[in-house]
Amino acid sequence: MIVKQLEIERVLVVDKVDKRYLRFGSPNSTHQSILSLSDSPYEVDRIVREDSDALVINQKFATACYPEHGLPLLLYFAKAHNMDVETALLANANAGGDNVHRGMVLGVLVGACNKKLPEHLKRGLVAFDELQTEIEAFSDIASSGNAI
């Protein structure tokens, strides 16, 4: 998997990123100063092969909430865990940081790559029955052609 790599200029450790965000005052003003698109490819396969989770999480991509930081890390988790829903989501949660937003996108990505989600992940939801009813009702409307 090769995509444009987000390159973090002169920033390798998470707390250094945090200090730069504080110095610039807001995420919008830091975006251009910290991140830039690199012409070199983002080679997920190589990173998975050569680097440890700790190195990737703490030094390469960080766990900040902004999408430009979260996307490279969630792609790493998806590939490192062979698109397995449960292990990829667990690795994301254990990485810390703003794992909820990364997890939503990661869940959609790895969920779409699997024919079926583990049943215990669905049945463990507090409102499983209500959600199941809503999903079935939505599916009925969508498949009837009367959605709009």
Protein backbone atom coordinates (compact mmCIF):
# COMPACT_ATOMS: atom_id res chain seq x y z
CA MET A 1 0.00 0.00 0.00
CA ILE A 2 1.58 3.26 -1.12
CA VAL A 3 0.07 6.69 -0.49
CA LYS A 4 1.58 10.15 -0.11
CA GLN A 5 3.43 10.15 3.18
CA LEU A 6 2.78 12.82 5.74
CA GLU A 7 6.20 13.94 6.82
CA ILE A 8 6.64 15.49 10.23
CA GLU A 9 9.46 18.00 9.85
CA ARG A 10 11.96 18.00 12.72
CA VAL A 11 9.31 16.49 15.03
CA LEU A 12 9.83 12.91 16.10
CA VAL A 13 8.46 12.63 19.62
CA VAL A 14 4.88 13.29 20.71
CA ASP A 15 5.68 15.86 23.40
CA LYS A 16 7.68 17.89 20.88
CA VAL A 17 4.57 18.02 18.69
CA ASP A 18 2.49 19.13 21.68
CA LYS A 19 4.95 21.94 22.45
CA ARG A 20 4.76 23.19 18.86
CA TYR A 21 0.96 23.17 18.97
CA LEU A 22 1.08 25.25 22.14
CA ARG A 23 3.61 27.65 20.64
CA PHE A 24 1.51 28.29 17.53
CA GLY A 25 -1.70 28.54 19.51
CA SER A 26 -4.06 26.36 17.50
CA PRO A 27 -4.19 23.33 15.24
CA ASN A 28 -5.12 25.46 12.22
CA SER A 29 -2.01 27.59 12.48
CA THR A 30 0.30 24.63 13.01
CA HIS A 31 -0.86 22.49 10.15
CA GLN A 32 1.31 24.19 7.54
CA SER A 33 4.31 24.57 9.80
CA ILE A 34 4.55 21.00 11.09
CA LEU A 35 3.25 18.87 8.25
CA SER A 36 3.91 18.72 4.56
CA LEU A 37 3.26 16.15 1.87
CA SER A 38 6.36 14.28 0.89
CA ASP A 39 7.14 13.03 -2.59
CA SER A 40 8.41 9.79 -1.09
CA PRO A 41 5.83 6.99 -0.87
CA TYR A 42 4.31 5.89 2.42
CA GLU A 43 5.29 2.23 2.32
CA VAL A 44 3.12 0.56 4.93
CA ASP A 45 4.50 -2.91 4.13
CA ARG A 46 8.07 -1.80 4.84
CA ILE A 47 7.13 0.00 8.04
CA VAL A 48 5.22 -3.06 9.32
CA ARG A 49 8.20 -5.29 8.48
CA GLU A 50 10.94 -3.09 9.90
CA ASP A 51 9.51 -1.10 12.82
CA SER A 52 7.98 -1.99 16.16
CA ASP A 53 4.57 -0.74 17.29
CA ALA A 54 6.24 1.38 19.98
CA LEU A 55 8.52 3.09 17.45
CA VAL A 56 5.67 3.73 15.02
CA ILE A 57 3.31 5.04 17.72
CA ASN A 58 5.77 7.14 19.71
CA GLN A 59 8.22 8.40 17.12
CA LYS A 60 6.86 8.13 13.58
CA PHE A 61 3.19 9.08 13.69
CA ALA A 62 2.13 10.03 17.23
CA THR A 63 -1.37 9.66 18.69
CA ALA A 64 -2.73 13.19 18.32
CA CYS A 65 -6.33 13.73 17.29
CA TYR A 66 -5.85 15.68 14.10
CA PRO A 67 -6.59 13.62 10.96
CA GLU A 68 -3.21 14.38 9.42
CA HIS A 69 -1.64 12.54 12.36
CA GLY A 70 -4.23 9.79 12.77
CA LEU A 71 -4.43 8.54 9.18
CA PRO A 72 -0.87 7.20 8.86
CA LEU A 73 -1.15 5.43 12.22
CA LEU A 74 -4.52 3.84 11.48
CA LEU A 75 -3.25 2.61 8.10
CA TYR A 76 -0.30 1.09 9.94
CA PHE A 77 -2.64 -0.68 12.41
CA ALA A 78 -4.82 -2.01 9.58
CA LYS A 79 -1.82 -3.47 7.72
CA ALA A 80 0.10 -4.66 10.79
CA HIS A 81 -2.94 -6.63 11.92
CA ASN A 82 -3.84 -8.02 8.49
CA MET A 83 -7.11 -6.07 8.36
CA ASP A 84 -8.40 -8.07 11.35
CA VAL A 85 -11.15 -6.05 13.04
CA GLU A 86 -10.57 -7.07 16.63
CA THR A 87 -6.78 -6.99 16.80
CA ALA A 88 -6.48 -3.74 14.79
CA LEU A 89 -9.05 -1.96 16.98
CA LEU A 90 -7.44 -3.30 20.15
CA ALA A 91 -3.99 -2.10 19.02
CA ASN A 92 -5.48 1.31 18.29
CA ALA A 93 -7.12 1.52 21.73
CA ASN A 94 -3.93 0.42 23.47
CA ALA A 95 -1.91 3.08 21.61
CA GLY A 96 -3.75 5.76 23.56
CA GLY A 97 -4.05 9.33 22.43
CA ASP A 98 -7.21 10.22 20.59
CA ASN A 99 -7.99 6.62 19.72
CA VAL A 100 -11.77 7.15 19.41
CA HIS A 101 -11.63 9.14 16.18
CA ARG A 102 -8.86 6.99 14.72
CA GLY A 103 -10.85 3.94 15.77
CA MET A 104 -13.99 5.07 13.96
CA VAL A 105 -12.15 5.41 10.66
CA LEU A 106 -10.10 2.26 11.31
CA GLY A 107 -13.27 0.31 12.15
CA VAL A 108 -14.93 1.36 8.91
CA LEU A 109 -11.81 0.42 6.92
CA VAL A 110 -11.15 -2.99 8.47
CA GLY A 111 -14.87 -3.73 8.82
CA ALA A 112 -15.34 -3.20 5.09
CA CYS A 113 -12.52 -5.66 4.40
CA ASN A 114 -14.23 -8.45 6.31
CA LYS A 115 -17.38 -10.36 5.39
CA LYS A 116 -18.48 -10.65 8.99
CA LEU A 117 -17.71 -8.87 12.26
CA PRO A 118 -17.05 -10.93 15.40
CA GLU A 119 -20.45 -11.50 17.02
CA HIS A 120 -19.17 -10.79 20.56
CA LEU A 121 -18.12 -7.28 19.49
CA LYS A 122 -21.69 -6.53 18.38
CA ARG A 123 -23.56 -8.28 21.20
CA GLY A 124 -21.36 -6.58 23.78
CA LEU A 125 -22.90 -3.20 22.94
CA VAL A 126 -25.17 -1.86 25.67
CA ALA A 127 -28.00 -1.03 23.24
CA PHE A 128 -27.49 -4.01 20.90
CA ASP A 129 -31.21 -4.81 20.51
CA GLU A 130 -32.19 -1.21 19.79
CA LEU A 131 -29.31 -0.78 17.34
CA GLN A 132 -30.20 -4.03 15.59
CA THR A 133 -33.81 -2.84 15.16
CA GLU A 134 -32.63 0.49 13.72
CA ILE A 135 -30.20 -1.21 11.34
CA GLU A 136 -32.89 -3.57 10.07
CA ALA A 137 -35.35 -0.68 9.59
CA PHE A 138 -32.70 1.35 7.72
CA SER A 139 -31.88 -1.66 5.51
CA ASP A 140 -35.57 -2.16 4.69
CA ILE A 141 -35.97 1.50 3.68
CA ALA A 142 -32.72 1.54 1.67
CA SER A 143 -33.50 -1.67 -0.20
CA SER A 144 -37.11 -0.62 -0.96
CA GLY A 145 -35.97 2.33 -3.05
CA ASN A 146 -38.06 4.75 -0.96
CA ALA A 147 -35.16 6.25 0.98
CA ILE A 148 -35.66 9.73 -0.43
